[in-house]
Amino acid sequence: MQGVPRSLLLLAKFVLALVVTLLVTLAFLIAGGLISIVLTYQPHGGPNSASLDVVSLLLSYLRACYGMLPYAALTFLLVVVSRSAVVAVSGLILFMLAIELPLTALLPLLGKDYAQVAQFLPAGLAQAMNQQNYAAAHLPTTTLVSPFFVHDGVPDQQALAL
């Protein structure tokens, strides 16, 4: 009797990782929404359900999940290579803190060409997704490479004067 083919097992594990990503993001969305509803009762007397844009909320949720896919794929790769969940999670945290974060901060300082490389890191994808979420909510955004506020892609002139 033969076991399950390795390719099918890997596919099942990857699909499970994607489902977990979707569910964890959904749990945070629901928890944040409930906390926001509770906190709006005190100053406003309740939430304004007329201002709820369900399509925008769904798109923001999907963008958040999409922004986490590189991290889920890296974790999956580390699990397959190391066969250890501890090594995979530790490797992901090490990548995020020791490699990605310094590169995201240092590459723009080396020039425009290097700054463009920083956008292809997973944090660059997350930043692009966050800019779309902020634009949908009509909020000012900041970029990874600049502490300035950006309104519709144009830096705020008051922040530039600093």
C-alpha atoms as a PDB file:
ATOM      1  CA  MET A   1       0.000   0.000   0.000  1.00  0.00           C
ATOM      2  CA  GLN A   2       1.400   3.389  -1.007  1.00  0.00           C
ATOM      3  CA  GLY A   3       1.104   6.631   0.874  1.00  0.00           C
ATOM      4  CA  VAL A   4       0.034  10.057  -0.358  1.00  0.00           C
ATOM      5  CA  PRO A   5       2.258  11.483  -3.126  1.00  0.00           C
ATOM      6  CA  ARG A   6       4.641  14.172  -1.873  1.00  0.00           C
ATOM      7  CA  SER A   7       3.377  16.760  -4.357  1.00  0.00           C
ATOM      8  CA  LEU A   8      -0.206  16.312  -3.158  1.00  0.00           C
ATOM      9  CA  LEU A   9       0.920  16.572   0.462  1.00  0.00           C
ATOM     10  CA  LEU A  10       2.822  19.801  -0.262  1.00  0.00           C
ATOM     11  CA  LEU A  11      -0.171  21.232  -2.102  1.00  0.00           C
ATOM     12  CA  ALA A  12      -2.450  20.382   0.813  1.00  0.00           C
ATOM     13  CA  LYS A  13      -0.059  22.014   3.285  1.00  0.00           C
ATOM     14  CA  PHE A  14       0.228  25.153   1.157  1.00  0.00           C
ATOM     15  CA  VAL A  15      -3.553  25.438   0.775  1.00  0.00           C
ATOM     16  CA  LEU A  16      -3.845  24.995   4.541  1.00  0.00           C
ATOM     17  CA  ALA A  17      -1.324  27.820   5.042  1.00  0.00           C
ATOM     18  CA  LEU A  18      -3.406  30.064   2.770  1.00  0.00           C
ATOM     19  CA  VAL A  19      -6.632  29.197   4.600  1.00  0.00           C
ATOM     20  CA  VAL A  20      -4.972  29.930   7.942  1.00  0.00           C
ATOM     21  CA  THR A  21      -3.797  33.292   6.570  1.00  0.00           C
ATOM     22  CA  LEU A  22      -7.337  34.141   5.463  1.00  0.00           C
ATOM     23  CA  LEU A  23      -8.873  33.061   8.773  1.00  0.00           C
ATOM     24  CA  VAL A  24      -6.349  34.862  10.966  1.00  0.00           C
ATOM     25  CA  THR A  25      -6.816  38.053   8.967  1.00  0.00           C
ATOM     26  CA  LEU A  26     -10.582  37.660   9.206  1.00  0.00           C
ATOM     27  CA  ALA A  27     -10.336  37.151  12.978  1.00  0.00           C
ATOM     28  CA  PHE A  28      -8.365  40.390  13.346  1.00  0.00           C
ATOM     29  CA  LEU A  29     -10.830  42.209  11.096  1.00  0.00           C
ATOM     30  CA  ILE A  30     -13.794  41.027  13.150  1.00  0.00           C
ATOM     31  CA  ALA A  31     -12.079  41.739  16.485  1.00  0.00           C
ATOM     32  CA  GLY A  32     -11.026  45.213  15.326  1.00  0.00           C
ATOM     33  CA  GLY A  33     -14.503  45.921  14.015  1.00  0.00           C
ATOM     34  CA  LEU A  34     -16.161  44.864  17.252  1.00  0.00           C
ATOM     35  CA  ILE A  35     -13.746  46.921  19.332  1.00  0.00           C
ATOM     36  CA  SER A  36     -14.365  49.917  17.066  1.00  0.00           C
ATOM     37  CA  ILE A  37     -18.128  49.514  17.430  1.00  0.00           C
ATOM     38  CA  VAL A  38     -17.847  49.380  21.223  1.00  0.00           C
ATOM     39  CA  LEU A  39     -15.561  52.424  21.328  1.00  0.00           C
ATOM     40  CA  THR A  40     -17.798  54.538  19.079  1.00  0.00           C
ATOM     41  CA  TYR A  41     -20.735  54.308  21.489  1.00  0.00           C
ATOM     42  CA  GLN A  42     -19.127  56.641  24.011  1.00  0.00           C
ATOM     43  CA  PRO A  43     -18.284  59.642  21.799  1.00  0.00           C
ATOM     44  CA  HIS A  44     -20.850  59.196  19.014  1.00  0.00           C
ATOM     45  CA  GLY A  45     -23.708  57.204  20.508  1.00  0.00           C
ATOM     46  CA  GLY A  46     -23.197  54.303  18.127  1.00  0.00           C
ATOM     47  CA  PRO A  47     -21.719  53.414  14.774  1.00  0.00           C
ATOM     48  CA  ASN A  48     -23.012  54.948  11.562  1.00  0.00           C
ATOM     49  CA  SER A  49     -23.918  51.905   9.488  1.00  0.00           C
ATOM     50  CA  ALA A  50     -24.814  54.099   6.518  1.00  0.00           C
ATOM     51  CA  SER A  51     -21.144  54.973   6.030  1.00  0.00           C
ATOM     52  CA  LEU A  52     -20.060  51.306   5.911  1.00  0.00           C
ATOM     53  CA  ASP A  53     -18.710  50.485   2.457  1.00  0.00           C
ATOM     54  CA  VAL A  54     -18.846  46.674   2.288  1.00  0.00           C
ATOM     55  CA  VAL A  55     -17.110  46.443  -1.102  1.00  0.00           C
ATOM     56  CA  SER A  56     -14.228  48.607   0.083  1.00  0.00           C
ATOM     57  CA  LEU A  57     -14.002  46.585   3.289  1.00  0.00           C
ATOM     58  CA  LEU A  58     -13.888  43.319   1.346  1.00  0.00           C
ATOM     59  CA  LEU A  59     -11.220  44.670  -1.026  1.00  0.00           C
ATOM     60  CA  SER A  60      -9.131  45.902   1.901  1.00  0.00           C
ATOM     61  CA  TYR A  61      -9.423  42.473   3.530  1.00  0.00           C
ATOM     62  CA  LEU A  62      -8.313  40.752   0.323  1.00  0.00           C
ATOM     63  CA  ARG A  63      -5.416  43.207  -0.079  1.00  0.00           C
ATOM     64  CA  ALA A  64      -4.286  42.481   3.480  1.00  0.00           C
ATOM     65  CA  CYS A  65      -4.364  38.748   2.777  1.00  0.00           C
ATOM     66  CA  TYR A  66      -2.534  39.229  -0.511  1.00  0.00           C
ATOM     67  CA  GLY A  67       0.143  41.293   1.242  1.00  0.00           C
ATOM     68  CA  MET A  68       0.800  38.415   3.629  1.00  0.00           C
ATOM     69  CA  LEU A  69       1.239  35.807   0.897  1.00  0.00           C
ATOM     70  CA  PRO A  70       5.023  36.322   0.506  1.00  0.00           C
ATOM     71  CA  TYR A  71       5.469  35.761   4.233  1.00  0.00           C
ATOM     72  CA  ALA A  72       3.251  32.669   4.143  1.00  0.00           C
ATOM     73  CA  ALA A  73       5.207  31.330   1.163  1.00  0.00           C
ATOM     74  CA  LEU A  74       8.546  31.969   2.896  1.00  0.00           C
ATOM     75  CA  THR A  75       7.309  30.231   6.027  1.00  0.00           C
ATOM     76  CA  PHE A  76       6.082  27.319   3.917  1.00  0.00           C
ATOM     77  CA  LEU A  77       9.461  27.087   2.194  1.00  0.00           C
ATOM     78  CA  LEU A  78      11.269  27.081   5.529  1.00  0.00           C
ATOM     79  CA  VAL A  79       8.930  24.392   6.890  1.00  0.00           C
ATOM     80  CA  VAL A  80       9.586  22.177   3.881  1.00  0.00           C
ATOM     81  CA  VAL A  81      13.352  22.708   3.947  1.00  0.00           C
ATOM     82  CA  SER A  82      13.857  22.449   7.708  1.00  0.00           C
ATOM     83  CA  ARG A  83      10.901  20.171   8.589  1.00  0.00           C
ATOM     84  CA  SER A  84      10.496  22.229  11.727  1.00  0.00           C
ATOM     85  CA  ALA A  85       7.788  24.776  12.474  1.00  0.00           C
ATOM     86  CA  VAL A  86      10.014  26.469  15.055  1.00  0.00           C
ATOM     87  CA  VAL A  87      12.786  27.005  12.491  1.00  0.00           C
ATOM     88  CA  ALA A  88      10.255  28.299   9.954  1.00  0.00           C
ATOM     89  CA  VAL A  89       8.685  30.857  12.273  1.00  0.00           C
ATOM     90  CA  SER A  90      12.070  31.912  13.660  1.00  0.00           C
ATOM     91  CA  GLY A  91      13.444  32.222  10.127  1.00  0.00           C
ATOM     92  CA  LEU A  92      10.520  34.395   9.082  1.00  0.00           C
ATOM     93  CA  ILE A  93      10.977  36.683  12.072  1.00  0.00           C
ATOM     94  CA  LEU A  94      14.726  36.832  11.418  1.00  0.00           C
ATOM     95  CA  PHE A  95      14.091  37.688   7.756  1.00  0.00           C
ATOM     96  CA  MET A  96      11.619  40.427   8.674  1.00  0.00           C
ATOM     97  CA  LEU A  97      13.691  42.045  11.414  1.00  0.00           C
ATOM     98  CA  ALA A  98      17.304  41.436  10.393  1.00  0.00           C
ATOM     99  CA  ILE A  99      17.114  41.515   6.594  1.00  0.00           C
ATOM    100  CA  GLU A 100      13.960  43.147   5.279  1.00  0.00           C
ATOM    101  CA  LEU A 101      13.644  46.022   7.757  1.00  0.00           C
ATOM    102  CA  PRO A 102      17.264  47.261   7.400  1.00  0.00           C
ATOM    103  CA  LEU A 103      17.173  46.868   3.610  1.00  0.00           C
ATOM    104  CA  THR A 104      13.919  48.795   3.413  1.00  0.00           C
ATOM    105  CA  ALA A 105      15.488  51.652   5.352  1.00  0.00           C
ATOM    106  CA  LEU A 106      18.974  51.605   3.813  1.00  0.00           C
ATOM    107  CA  LEU A 107      18.371  50.953   0.108  1.00  0.00           C
ATOM    108  CA  PRO A 108      16.629  54.316  -0.539  1.00  0.00           C
ATOM    109  CA  LEU A 109      19.620  56.090   0.992  1.00  0.00           C
ATOM    110  CA  LEU A 110      21.872  54.606  -1.701  1.00  0.00           C
ATOM    111  CA  GLY A 111      19.987  56.205  -4.579  1.00  0.00           C
ATOM    112  CA  LYS A 112      16.906  55.975  -6.727  1.00  0.00           C
ATOM    113  CA  ASP A 113      17.859  52.683  -8.402  1.00  0.00           C
ATOM    114  CA  TYR A 114      18.337  50.981  -5.055  1.00  0.00           C
ATOM    115  CA  ALA A 115      15.129  52.513  -3.708  1.00  0.00           C
ATOM    116  CA  GLN A 116      13.255  50.843  -6.544  1.00  0.00           C
ATOM    117  CA  VAL A 117      14.666  47.488  -5.441  1.00  0.00           C
ATOM    118  CA  ALA A 118      13.171  48.014  -1.973  1.00  0.00           C
ATOM    119  CA  GLN A 119       9.658  48.050  -3.413  1.00  0.00           C
ATOM    120  CA  PHE A 120      10.043  44.403  -4.440  1.00  0.00           C
ATOM    121  CA  LEU A 121      10.544  43.223  -0.870  1.00  0.00           C
ATOM    122  CA  PRO A 122       7.406  41.887   0.831  1.00  0.00           C
ATOM    123  CA  ALA A 123       7.228  45.054   2.922  1.00  0.00           C
ATOM    124  CA  GLY A 124       7.031  47.059  -0.315  1.00  0.00           C
ATOM    125  CA  LEU A 125       4.031  45.000  -1.396  1.00  0.00           C
ATOM    126  CA  ALA A 126       2.417  45.548   1.994  1.00  0.00           C
ATOM    127  CA  GLN A 127       3.094  49.289   1.730  1.00  0.00           C
ATOM    128  CA  ALA A 128       1.478  49.435  -1.716  1.00  0.00           C
ATOM    129  CA  MET A 129      -1.553  47.588  -0.375  1.00  0.00           C
ATOM    130  CA  ASN A 130      -1.754  49.939   2.621  1.00  0.00           C
ATOM    131  CA  GLN A 131      -1.644  52.975   0.330  1.00  0.00           C
ATOM    132  CA  GLN A 132      -4.646  51.606  -1.550  1.00  0.00           C
ATOM    133  CA  ASN A 133      -6.451  50.951   1.740  1.00  0.00           C
ATOM    134  CA  TYR A 134      -5.695  54.491   2.967  1.00  0.00           C
ATOM    135  CA  ALA A 135      -6.841  55.955  -0.341  1.00  0.00           C
ATOM    136  CA  ALA A 136     -10.108  54.007  -0.111  1.00  0.00           C
ATOM    137  CA  ALA A 137     -10.623  55.374   3.411  1.00  0.00           C
ATOM    138  CA  HIS A 138      -9.616  58.919   2.317  1.00  0.00           C
ATOM    139  CA  LEU A 139      -6.754  59.028   4.852  1.00  0.00           C
ATOM    140  CA  PRO A 140      -3.250  60.495   4.432  1.00  0.00           C
ATOM    141  CA  THR A 141      -0.519  57.899   3.912  1.00  0.00           C
ATOM    142  CA  THR A 142       3.191  57.621   4.610  1.00  0.00           C
ATOM    143  CA  THR A 143       5.637  55.649   2.524  1.00  0.00           C
ATOM    144  CA  LEU A 144       8.367  53.260   3.612  1.00  0.00           C
ATOM    145  CA  VAL A 145      11.091  55.554   2.361  1.00  0.00           C
ATOM    146  CA  SER A 146       9.704  58.871   3.533  1.00  0.00           C
ATOM    147  CA  PRO A 147       8.347  60.173   6.841  1.00  0.00           C
ATOM    148  CA  PHE A 148       6.233  62.711   4.942  1.00  0.00           C
ATOM    149  CA  PHE A 149       2.502  62.506   4.603  1.00  0.00           C
ATOM    150  CA  VAL A 150       1.330  61.825   1.081  1.00  0.00           C
ATOM    151  CA  HIS A 151      -2.079  62.869  -0.230  1.00  0.00           C
ATOM    152  CA  ASP A 152      -3.041  61.202  -3.532  1.00  0.00           C
ATOM    153  CA  GLY A 153       0.611  60.504  -4.337  1.00  0.00           C
ATOM    154  CA  VAL A 154       1.743  64.121  -3.715  1.00  0.00           C
ATOM    155  CA  PRO A 155       3.879  64.872  -0.607  1.00  0.00           C
ATOM    156  CA  ASP A 156       2.377  67.280   1.911  1.00  0.00           C
ATOM    157  CA  GLN A 157       4.071  70.669   1.538  1.00  0.00           C
ATOM    158  CA  GLN A 158       4.004  71.359   5.291  1.00  0.00           C
ATOM    159  CA  ALA A 159       5.875  68.110   5.948  1.00  0.00           C
ATOM    160  CA  LEU A 160       8.420  68.986   3.248  1.00  0.00           C
ATOM    161  CA  ALA A 161       9.069  72.361   4.902  1.00  0.00           C
ATOM    162  CA  LEU A 162      10.305  70.624   8.066  1.00  0.00           C
END
